[in-house]
Amino acid sequence: MTLLCYKIVFNIVHLRFSDFFVFSPLSTRGHPYNLQIDHAPVNVRRNLFACHVVNLWNSLPADTTDFGSLGRFCNSLHCIDFSSFLTGGGLEVLVYTP
């Protein structure tokens, strides 16, 4: 889900960013690519990809997420524990020690 969001945000796929997202004008914390949360008035819209991925995307930690390229972005995601999003919680960063 985050990879598709990355591809849309950075225009890697043939999908228009404006059809899914709007950059948040209040990007004071975290990474500079925060998306605006669309408060969907209907339950059907809440389950769509664009509404579902925004909280996860905006919660990506700026200090461990590398937006420089798709490959580096994928590698940086390996340090993040996304399991809390399965239960509705926040985001936790795992420290990998070989």
PDB file of N, CA and C in Angstrom:
ATOM      1  N   MET A   1       0.827  -1.187   0.000  1.00  0.00           N
ATOM      2  CA  MET A   1       0.000   0.000   0.000  1.00  0.00           C
ATOM      3  C   MET A   1       0.879   1.261   0.000  1.00  0.00           C
ATOM      4  N   THR A   2       1.931   1.274   0.822  1.00  0.00           N
ATOM      5  CA  THR A   2       2.799   2.447   0.855  1.00  0.00           C
ATOM      6  C   THR A   2       3.608   2.593  -0.428  1.00  0.00           C
ATOM      7  N   LEU A   3       3.927   1.465  -1.075  1.00  0.00           N
ATOM      8  CA  LEU A   3       4.670   1.543  -2.332  1.00  0.00           C
ATOM      9  C   LEU A   3       3.826   2.174  -3.439  1.00  0.00           C
ATOM     10  N   LEU A   4       2.568   1.825  -3.511  1.00  0.00           N
ATOM     11  CA  LEU A   4       1.692   2.437  -4.502  1.00  0.00           C
ATOM     12  C   LEU A   4       1.527   3.925  -4.207  1.00  0.00           C
ATOM     13  N   CYS A   5       1.406   4.266  -2.956  1.00  0.00           N
ATOM     14  CA  CYS A   5       1.301   5.680  -2.580  1.00  0.00           C
ATOM     15  C   CYS A   5       2.561   6.430  -3.015  1.00  0.00           C
ATOM     16  N   TYR A   6       3.741   5.853  -2.763  1.00  0.00           N
ATOM     17  CA  TYR A   6       5.002   6.455  -3.184  1.00  0.00           C
ATOM     18  C   TYR A   6       5.001   6.682  -4.697  1.00  0.00           C
ATOM     19  N   LYS A   7       4.582   5.655  -5.439  1.00  0.00           N
ATOM     20  CA  LYS A   7       4.585   5.747  -6.893  1.00  0.00           C
ATOM     21  C   LYS A   7       3.630   6.820  -7.409  1.00  0.00           C
ATOM     22  N   ILE A   8       2.515   7.009  -6.727  1.00  0.00           N
ATOM     23  CA  ILE A   8       1.568   8.060  -7.120  1.00  0.00           C
ATOM     24  C   ILE A   8       2.131   9.426  -6.764  1.00  0.00           C
ATOM     25  N   VAL A   9       2.657   9.573  -5.559  1.00  0.00           N
ATOM     26  CA  VAL A   9       3.193  10.866  -5.100  1.00  0.00           C
ATOM     27  C   VAL A   9       4.347  11.325  -5.994  1.00  0.00           C
ATOM     28  N   PHE A  10       5.225  10.401  -6.392  1.00  0.00           N
ATOM     29  CA  PHE A  10       6.396  10.763  -7.176  1.00  0.00           C
ATOM     30  C   PHE A  10       6.232  10.497  -8.675  1.00  0.00           C
ATOM     31  N   ASN A  11       4.990  10.316  -9.116  1.00  0.00           N
ATOM     32  CA  ASN A  11       4.641  10.223 -10.535  1.00  0.00           C
ATOM     33  C   ASN A  11       5.395   9.104 -11.263  1.00  0.00           C
ATOM     34  N   ILE A  12       5.466   7.939 -10.627  1.00  0.00           N
ATOM     35  CA  ILE A  12       6.127   6.793 -11.240  1.00  0.00           C
ATOM     36  C   ILE A  12       5.119   5.943 -12.020  1.00  0.00           C
ATOM     37  N   VAL A  13       3.862   6.004 -11.630  1.00  0.00           N
ATOM     38  CA  VAL A  13       2.801   5.269 -12.326  1.00  0.00           C
ATOM     39  C   VAL A  13       1.924   6.262 -13.091  1.00  0.00           C
ATOM     40  N   HIS A  14       1.164   5.755 -14.020  1.00  0.00           N
ATOM     41  CA  HIS A  14       0.302   6.613 -14.829  1.00  0.00           C
ATOM     42  C   HIS A  14      -1.037   6.854 -14.148  1.00  0.00           C
ATOM     43  N   LEU A  15      -0.965   7.360 -12.941  1.00  0.00           N
ATOM     44  CA  LEU A  15      -2.145   7.758 -12.173  1.00  0.00           C
ATOM     45  C   LEU A  15      -1.910   9.189 -11.716  1.00  0.00           C
ATOM     46  N   ARG A  16      -2.918  10.012 -11.858  1.00  0.00           N
ATOM     47  CA  ARG A  16      -2.756  11.422 -11.480  1.00  0.00           C
ATOM     48  C   ARG A  16      -2.846  11.590  -9.967  1.00  0.00           C
ATOM     49  N   PHE A  17      -1.857  12.242  -9.396  1.00  0.00           N
ATOM     50  CA  PHE A  17      -1.815  12.514  -7.964  1.00  0.00           C
ATOM     51  C   PHE A  17      -3.098  13.201  -7.508  1.00  0.00           C
ATOM     52  N   SER A  18      -3.555  14.173  -8.271  1.00  0.00           N
ATOM     53  CA  SER A  18      -4.726  14.962  -7.882  1.00  0.00           C
ATOM     54  C   SER A  18      -6.021  14.154  -7.871  1.00  0.00           C
ATOM     55  N   ASP A  19      -6.037  12.988  -8.508  1.00  0.00           N
ATOM     56  CA  ASP A  19      -7.219  12.123  -8.454  1.00  0.00           C
ATOM     57  C   ASP A  19      -7.327  11.388  -7.122  1.00  0.00           C
ATOM     58  N   PHE A  20      -6.225  11.345  -6.377  1.00  0.00           N
ATOM     59  CA  PHE A  20      -6.197  10.597  -5.129  1.00  0.00           C
ATOM     60  C   PHE A  20      -5.919  11.450  -3.902  1.00  0.00           C
ATOM     61  N   PHE A  21      -4.983  12.386  -4.031  1.00  0.00           N
ATOM     62  CA  PHE A  21      -4.463  13.080  -2.859  1.00  0.00           C
ATOM     63  C   PHE A  21      -4.329  14.577  -3.076  1.00  0.00           C
ATOM     64  N   VAL A  22      -4.086  15.262  -1.952  1.00  0.00           N
ATOM     65  CA  VAL A  22      -3.708  16.671  -1.922  1.00  0.00           C
ATOM     66  C   VAL A  22      -2.619  16.772  -0.866  1.00  0.00           C
ATOM     67  N   PHE A  23      -1.525  17.490  -1.164  1.00  0.00           N
ATOM     68  CA  PHE A  23      -0.507  17.694  -0.146  1.00  0.00           C
ATOM     69  C   PHE A  23      -1.081  18.532   0.975  1.00  0.00           C
ATOM     70  N   SER A  24      -0.707  18.199   2.189  1.00  0.00           N
ATOM     71  CA  SER A  24      -1.189  18.924   3.355  1.00  0.00           C
ATOM     72  C   SER A  24      -0.507  20.284   3.440  1.00  0.00           C
ATOM     73  N   PRO A  25      -1.287  21.348   3.613  1.00  0.00           N
ATOM     74  CA  PRO A  25      -0.675  22.670   3.775  1.00  0.00           C
ATOM     75  C   PRO A  25      -0.049  22.834   5.162  1.00  0.00           C
ATOM     76  N   LEU A  26      -0.357  21.927   6.088  1.00  0.00           N
ATOM     77  CA  LEU A  26       0.148  22.005   7.461  1.00  0.00           C
ATOM     78  C   LEU A  26       1.221  20.965   7.709  1.00  0.00           C
ATOM     79  N   SER A  27       2.241  20.947   6.901  1.00  0.00           N
ATOM     80  CA  SER A  27       3.317  19.966   7.019  1.00  0.00           C
ATOM     81  C   SER A  27       4.392  20.484   7.970  1.00  0.00           C
ATOM     82  N   THR A  28       4.062  20.550   9.270  1.00  0.00           N
ATOM     83  CA  THR A  28       5.004  21.078  10.247  1.00  0.00           C
ATOM     84  C   THR A  28       5.810  19.997  10.941  1.00  0.00           C
ATOM     85  N   ARG A  29       5.332  18.761  10.900  1.00  0.00           N
ATOM     86  CA  ARG A  29       6.041  17.656  11.546  1.00  0.00           C
ATOM     87  C   ARG A  29       6.247  16.533  10.554  1.00  0.00           C
ATOM     88  N   GLY A  30       7.252  15.730  10.820  1.00  0.00           N
ATOM     89  CA  GLY A  30       7.486  14.560   9.983  1.00  0.00           C
ATOM     90  C   GLY A  30       8.125  14.918   8.653  1.00  0.00           C
ATOM     91  N   HIS A  31       7.888  14.062   7.685  1.00  0.00           N
ATOM     92  CA  HIS A  31       8.492  14.240   6.368  1.00  0.00           C
ATOM     93  C   HIS A  31       7.752  15.319   5.568  1.00  0.00           C
ATOM     94  N   PRO A  32       8.370  15.841   4.521  1.00  0.00           N
ATOM     95  CA  PRO A  32       7.773  16.955   3.765  1.00  0.00           C
ATOM     96  C   PRO A  32       6.685  16.548   2.772  1.00  0.00           C
ATOM     97  N   TYR A  33       6.308  15.283   2.743  1.00  0.00           N
ATOM     98  CA  TYR A  33       5.323  14.815   1.760  1.00  0.00           C
ATOM     99  C   TYR A  33       3.998  14.420   2.417  1.00  0.00           C
ATOM    100  N   ASN A  34       3.653  15.066   3.517  1.00  0.00           N
ATOM    101  CA  ASN A  34       2.402  14.750   4.196  1.00  0.00           C
ATOM    102  C   ASN A  34       1.210  15.026   3.296  1.00  0.00           C
ATOM    103  N   LEU A  35       0.224  14.159   3.405  1.00  0.00           N
ATOM    104  CA  LEU A  35      -0.983  14.273   2.592  1.00  0.00           C
ATOM    105  C   LEU A  35      -2.135  14.763   3.453  1.00  0.00           C
ATOM    106  N   GLN A  36      -3.040  15.463   2.837  1.00  0.00           N
ATOM    107  CA  GLN A  36      -4.197  15.981   3.554  1.00  0.00           C
ATOM    108  C   GLN A  36      -5.186  14.841   3.783  1.00  0.00           C
ATOM    109  N   ILE A  37      -5.739  14.786   4.976  1.00  0.00           N
ATOM    110  CA  ILE A  37      -6.704  13.749   5.313  1.00  0.00           C
ATOM    111  C   ILE A  37      -8.069  14.177   4.815  1.00  0.00           C
ATOM    112  N   ASP A  38      -8.678  13.317   4.018  1.00  0.00           N
ATOM    113  CA  ASP A  38     -10.011  13.569   3.486  1.00  0.00           C
ATOM    114  C   ASP A  38     -11.016  12.932   4.429  1.00  0.00           C
ATOM    115  N   HIS A  39     -11.807  13.754   5.087  1.00  0.00           N
ATOM    116  CA  HIS A  39     -12.818  13.236   6.009  1.00  0.00           C
ATOM    117  C   HIS A  39     -14.027  12.795   5.204  1.00  0.00           C
ATOM    118  N   ALA A  40     -14.058  11.519   4.922  1.00  0.00           N
ATOM    119  CA  ALA A  40     -15.094  10.949   4.057  1.00  0.00           C
ATOM    120  C   ALA A  40     -16.435  10.903   4.782  1.00  0.00           C
ATOM    121  N   PRO A  41     -17.466  11.474   4.172  1.00  0.00           N
ATOM    122  CA  PRO A  41     -18.778  11.485   4.816  1.00  0.00           C
ATOM    123  C   PRO A  41     -19.523  10.156   4.685  1.00  0.00           C
ATOM    124  N   VAL A  42     -19.056   9.285   3.831  1.00  0.00           N
ATOM    125  CA  VAL A  42     -19.739   8.018   3.589  1.00  0.00           C
ATOM    126  C   VAL A  42     -18.784   6.866   3.905  1.00  0.00           C
ATOM    127  N   ASN A  43     -19.281   5.809   4.516  1.00  0.00           N
ATOM    128  CA  ASN A  43     -18.444   4.665   4.865  1.00  0.00           C
ATOM    129  C   ASN A  43     -17.784   4.022   3.658  1.00  0.00           C
ATOM    130  N   VAL A  44     -18.413   4.062   2.509  1.00  0.00           N
ATOM    131  CA  VAL A  44     -17.839   3.467   1.301  1.00  0.00           C
ATOM    132  C   VAL A  44     -16.534   4.167   0.947  1.00  0.00           C
ATOM    133  N   ARG A  45     -16.507   5.484   1.015  1.00  0.00           N
ATOM    134  CA  ARG A  45     -15.308   6.254   0.665  1.00  0.00           C
ATOM    135  C   ARG A  45     -14.180   5.990   1.650  1.00  0.00           C
ATOM    136  N   ARG A  46     -14.507   5.775   2.918  1.00  0.00           N
ATOM    137  CA  ARG A  46     -13.480   5.530   3.934  1.00  0.00           C
ATOM    138  C   ARG A  46     -12.657   4.284   3.641  1.00  0.00           C
ATOM    139  N   ASN A  47     -13.234   3.340   2.926  1.00  0.00           N
ATOM    140  CA  ASN A  47     -12.540   2.095   2.636  1.00  0.00           C
ATOM    141  C   ASN A  47     -11.721   2.153   1.355  1.00  0.00           C
ATOM    142  N   LEU A  48     -11.753   3.245   0.644  1.00  0.00           N
ATOM    143  CA  LEU A  48     -10.968   3.385  -0.577  1.00  0.00           C
ATOM    144  C   LEU A  48      -9.490   3.574  -0.242  1.00  0.00           C
ATOM    145  N   PHE A  49      -8.643   3.179  -1.172  1.00  0.00           N
ATOM    146  CA  PHE A  49      -7.198   3.258  -0.996  1.00  0.00           C
ATOM    147  C   PHE A  49      -6.748   4.640  -0.549  1.00  0.00           C
ATOM    148  N   ALA A  50      -7.205   5.682  -1.234  1.00  0.00           N
ATOM    149  CA  ALA A  50      -6.734   7.043  -0.954  1.00  0.00           C
ATOM    150  C   ALA A  50      -7.042   7.481   0.472  1.00  0.00           C
ATOM    151  N   CYS A  51      -8.151   7.070   1.010  1.00  0.00           N
ATOM    152  CA  CYS A  51      -8.499   7.434   2.391  1.00  0.00           C
ATOM    153  C   CYS A  51      -7.771   6.552   3.397  1.00  0.00           C
ATOM    154  N   HIS A  52      -7.584   5.301   3.042  1.00  0.00           N
ATOM    155  CA  HIS A  52      -7.006   4.339   3.967  1.00  0.00           C
ATOM    156  C   HIS A  52      -5.504   4.535   4.176  1.00  0.00           C
ATOM    157  N   VAL A  53      -4.791   4.958   3.160  1.00  0.00           N
ATOM    158  CA  VAL A  53      -3.331   5.016   3.212  1.00  0.00           C
ATOM    159  C   VAL A  53      -2.784   6.315   3.817  1.00  0.00           C
ATOM    160  N   VAL A  54      -3.586   7.365   3.886  1.00  0.00           N
ATOM    161  CA  VAL A  54      -3.078   8.683   4.305  1.00  0.00           C
ATOM    162  C   VAL A  54      -2.513   8.664   5.721  1.00  0.00           C
ATOM    163  N   ASN A  55      -3.194   8.083   6.693  1.00  0.00           N
ATOM    164  CA  ASN A  55      -2.674   8.059   8.066  1.00  0.00           C
ATOM    165  C   ASN A  55      -1.360   7.291   8.149  1.00  0.00           C
ATOM    166  N   LEU A  56      -1.290   6.167   7.465  1.00  0.00           N
ATOM    167  CA  LEU A  56      -0.063   5.388   7.463  1.00  0.00           C
ATOM    168  C   LEU A  56       1.072   6.189   6.808  1.00  0.00           C
ATOM    169  N   TRP A  57       0.807   6.779   5.651  1.00  0.00           N
ATOM    170  CA  TRP A  57       1.800   7.565   4.918  1.00  0.00           C
ATOM    171  C   TRP A  57       2.307   8.740   5.760  1.00  0.00           C
ATOM    172  N   ASN A  58       1.390   9.473   6.375  1.00  0.00           N
ATOM    173  CA  ASN A  58       1.783  10.633   7.169  1.00  0.00           C
ATOM    174  C   ASN A  58       2.527  10.244   8.438  1.00  0.00           C
ATOM    175  N   SER A  59       2.374   9.003   8.883  1.00  0.00           N
ATOM    176  CA  SER A  59       3.050   8.539  10.094  1.00  0.00           C
ATOM    177  C   SER A  59       4.449   8.008   9.848  1.00  0.00           C
ATOM    178  N   LEU A  60       4.852   7.923   8.595  1.00  0.00           N
ATOM    179  CA  LEU A  60       6.207   7.444   8.316  1.00  0.00           C
ATOM    180  C   LEU A  60       7.215   8.387   8.963  1.00  0.00           C
ATOM    181  N   PRO A  61       8.142   7.852   9.744  1.00  0.00           N
ATOM    182  CA  PRO A  61       9.112   8.705  10.434  1.00  0.00           C
ATOM    183  C   PRO A  61      10.103   9.355   9.468  1.00  0.00           C
ATOM    184  N   ALA A  62      10.273  10.642   9.595  1.00  0.00           N
ATOM    185  CA  ALA A  62      11.154  11.389   8.694  1.00  0.00           C
ATOM    186  C   ALA A  62      12.615  10.977   8.848  1.00  0.00           C
ATOM    187  N   ASP A  63      13.013  10.605  10.057  1.00  0.00           N
ATOM    188  CA  ASP A  63      14.421  10.294  10.293  1.00  0.00           C
ATOM    189  C   ASP A  63      14.847   8.922   9.773  1.00  0.00           C
ATOM    190  N   THR A  64      13.900   8.022   9.506  1.00  0.00           N
ATOM    191  CA  THR A  64      14.275   6.695   9.013  1.00  0.00           C
ATOM    192  C   THR A  64      13.735   6.386   7.624  1.00  0.00           C
ATOM    193  N   THR A  65      12.884   7.233   7.080  1.00  0.00           N
ATOM    194  CA  THR A  65      12.299   6.993   5.766  1.00  0.00           C
ATOM    195  C   THR A  65      13.066   7.777   4.711  1.00  0.00           C
ATOM    196  N   ASP A  66      13.588   7.072   3.710  1.00  0.00           N
ATOM    197  CA  ASP A  66      14.370   7.697   2.643  1.00  0.00           C
ATOM    198  C   ASP A  66      13.506   7.784   1.383  1.00  0.00           C
ATOM    199  N   PHE A  67      13.141   8.999   1.000  1.00  0.00           N
ATOM    200  CA  PHE A  67      12.298   9.218  -0.169  1.00  0.00           C
ATOM    201  C   PHE A  67      13.109   9.454  -1.438  1.00  0.00           C
ATOM    202  N   GLY A  68      14.423   9.290  -1.392  1.00  0.00           N
ATOM    203  CA  GLY A  68      15.307   9.605  -2.506  1.00  0.00           C
ATOM    204  C   GLY A  68      15.058   8.822  -3.780  1.00  0.00           C
ATOM    205  N   SER A  69      14.726   7.558  -3.658  1.00  0.00           N
ATOM    206  CA  SER A  69      14.405   6.727  -4.821  1.00  0.00           C
ATOM    207  C   SER A  69      13.490   5.610  -4.340  1.00  0.00           C
ATOM    208  N   LEU A  70      12.861   4.927  -5.276  1.00  0.00           N
ATOM    209  CA  LEU A  70      11.948   3.849  -4.909  1.00  0.00           C
ATOM    210  C   LEU A  70      12.693   2.740  -4.179  1.00  0.00           C
ATOM    211  N   GLY A  71      13.881   2.392  -4.640  1.00  0.00           N
ATOM    212  CA  GLY A  71      14.675   1.353  -3.987  1.00  0.00           C
ATOM    213  C   GLY A  71      15.053   1.710  -2.559  1.00  0.00           C
ATOM    214  N   ARG A  72      15.510   2.934  -2.356  1.00  0.00           N
ATOM    215  CA  ARG A  72      15.884   3.367  -1.007  1.00  0.00           C
ATOM    216  C   ARG A  72      14.661   3.477  -0.118  1.00  0.00           C
ATOM    217  N   PHE A  73      13.526   3.888  -0.689  1.00  0.00           N
ATOM    218  CA  PHE A  73      12.282   3.947   0.072  1.00  0.00           C
ATOM    219  C   PHE A  73      11.893   2.544   0.541  1.00  0.00           C
ATOM    220  N   CYS A  74      11.945   1.564  -0.359  1.00  0.00           N
ATOM    221  CA  CYS A  74      11.621   0.166  -0.005  1.00  0.00           C
ATOM    222  C   CYS A  74      12.533  -0.338   1.104  1.00  0.00           C
ATOM    223  N   ASN A  75      13.817  -0.068   0.989  1.00  0.00           N
ATOM    224  CA  ASN A  75      14.759  -0.502   2.019  1.00  0.00           C
ATOM    225  C   ASN A  75      14.482   0.139   3.365  1.00  0.00           C
ATOM    226  N   SER A  76      14.100   1.396   3.375  1.00  0.00           N
ATOM    227  CA  SER A  76      13.838   2.073   4.646  1.00  0.00           C
ATOM    228  C   SER A  76      12.567   1.550   5.310  1.00  0.00           C
ATOM    229  N   LEU A  77      11.649   0.989   4.529  1.00  0.00           N
ATOM    230  CA  LEU A  77      10.413   0.457   5.104  1.00  0.00           C
ATOM    231  C   LEU A  77      10.649  -0.802   5.924  1.00  0.00           C
ATOM    232  N   HIS A  78      11.765  -1.497   5.689  1.00  0.00           N
ATOM    233  CA  HIS A  78      12.053  -2.728   6.417  1.00  0.00           C
ATOM    234  C   HIS A  78      12.311  -2.477   7.904  1.00  0.00           C
ATOM    235  N   CYS A  79      12.600  -1.250   8.284  1.00  0.00           N
ATOM    236  CA  CYS A  79      12.873  -0.917   9.684  1.00  0.00           C
ATOM    237  C   CYS A  79      11.622  -0.474  10.432  1.00  0.00           C
ATOM    238  N   ILE A  80      10.480  -0.463   9.771  1.00  0.00           N
ATOM    239  CA  ILE A  80       9.261   0.060  10.372  1.00  0.00           C
ATOM    240  C   ILE A  80       8.281  -1.068  10.649  1.00  0.00           C
ATOM    241  N   ASP A  81       7.733  -1.069  11.847  1.00  0.00           N
ATOM    242  CA  ASP A  81       6.742  -2.067  12.236  1.00  0.00           C
ATOM    243  C   ASP A  81       5.352  -1.509  11.915  1.00  0.00           C
ATOM    244  N   PHE A  82       4.698  -2.068  10.915  1.00  0.00           N
ATOM    245  CA  PHE A  82       3.382  -1.608  10.496  1.00  0.00           C
ATOM    246  C   PHE A  82       2.243  -2.351  11.192  1.00  0.00           C
ATOM    247  N   SER A  83       2.558  -3.280  12.074  1.00  0.00           N
ATOM    248  CA  SER A  83       1.517  -4.098  12.693  1.00  0.00           C
ATOM    249  C   SER A  83       0.525  -3.269  13.505  1.00  0.00           C
ATOM    250  N   SER A  84       0.949  -2.151  14.033  1.00  0.00           N
ATOM    251  CA  SER A  84       0.031  -1.331  14.822  1.00  0.00           C
ATOM    252  C   SER A  84      -1.092  -0.753  13.968  1.00  0.00           C
ATOM    253  N   PHE A  85      -0.887  -0.654  12.664  1.00  0.00           N
ATOM    254  CA  PHE A  85      -1.947  -0.163  11.791  1.00  0.00           C
ATOM    255  C   PHE A  85      -3.018  -1.219  11.548  1.00  0.00           C
ATOM    256  N   LEU A  86      -2.690  -2.459  11.825  1.00  0.00           N
ATOM    257  CA  LEU A  86      -3.694  -3.513  11.705  1.00  0.00           C
ATOM    258  C   LEU A  86      -4.698  -3.444  12.845  1.00  0.00           C
ATOM    259  N   THR A  87      -4.288  -2.858  13.980  1.00  0.00           N
ATOM    260  CA  THR A  87      -5.179  -2.730  15.125  1.00  0.00           C
ATOM    261  C   THR A  87      -5.617  -1.293  15.356  1.00  0.00           C
ATOM    262  N   GLY A  88      -5.185  -0.372  14.491  1.00  0.00           N
ATOM    263  CA  GLY A  88      -5.616   1.024  14.593  1.00  0.00           C
ATOM    264  C   GLY A  88      -4.718   1.889  15.447  1.00  0.00           C
ATOM    265  N   GLY A  89      -3.528   1.426  15.822  1.00  0.00           N
ATOM    266  CA  GLY A  89      -2.641   2.223  16.649  1.00  0.00           C
ATOM    267  C   GLY A  89      -1.721   3.115  15.846  1.00  0.00           C
ATOM    268  N   GLY A  90      -0.585   3.482  16.441  1.00  0.00           N
ATOM    269  CA  GLY A  90       0.377   4.363  15.788  1.00  0.00           C
ATOM    270  C   GLY A  90       1.420   3.601  15.013  1.00  0.00           C
ATOM    271  N   LEU A  91       2.597   4.172  14.893  1.00  0.00           N
ATOM    272  CA  LEU A  91       3.668   3.573  14.107  1.00  0.00           C
ATOM    273  C   LEU A  91       4.902   3.444  14.981  1.00  0.00           C
ATOM    274  N   GLU A  92       5.586   2.332  14.860  1.00  0.00           N
ATOM    275  CA  GLU A  92       6.758   2.066  15.675  1.00  0.00           C
ATOM    276  C   GLU A  92       7.954   1.755  14.784  1.00  0.00           C
ATOM    277  N   VAL A  93       9.106   2.270  15.114  1.00  0.00           N
ATOM    278  CA  VAL A  93      10.309   2.008  14.328  1.00  0.00           C
ATOM    279  C   VAL A  93      11.125   0.934  15.016  1.00  0.00           C
ATOM    280  N   LEU A  94      11.511  -0.091  14.275  1.00  0.00           N
ATOM    281  CA  LEU A  94      12.331  -1.155  14.802  1.00  0.00           C
ATOM    282  C   LEU A  94      13.791  -0.870  14.493  1.00  0.00           C
ATOM    283  N   VAL A  95      14.655  -1.146  15.413  1.00  0.00           N
ATOM    284  CA  VAL A  95      16.082  -0.968  15.200  1.00  0.00           C
ATOM    285  C   VAL A  95      16.656  -2.344  14.869  1.00  0.00           C
ATOM    286  N   TYR A  96      17.227  -2.450  13.686  1.00  0.00           N
ATOM    287  CA  TYR A  96      17.803  -3.725  13.245  1.00  0.00           C
ATOM    288  C   TYR A  96      19.255  -3.806  13.658  1.00  0.00           C
ATOM    289  N   THR A  97      19.582  -4.867  14.369  1.00  0.00           N
ATOM    290  CA  THR A  97      20.979  -5.091  14.740  1.00  0.00           C
ATOM    291  C   THR A  97      21.362  -6.478  14.278  1.00  0.00           C
ATOM    292  N   PRO A  98      22.329  -6.588  13.377  1.00  0.00           N
ATOM    293  CA  PRO A  98      22.729  -7.905  12.854  1.00  0.00           C
ATOM    294  C   PRO A  98      23.440  -8.745  13.890  1.00  0.00           C
TER     295      PRO A  98
END
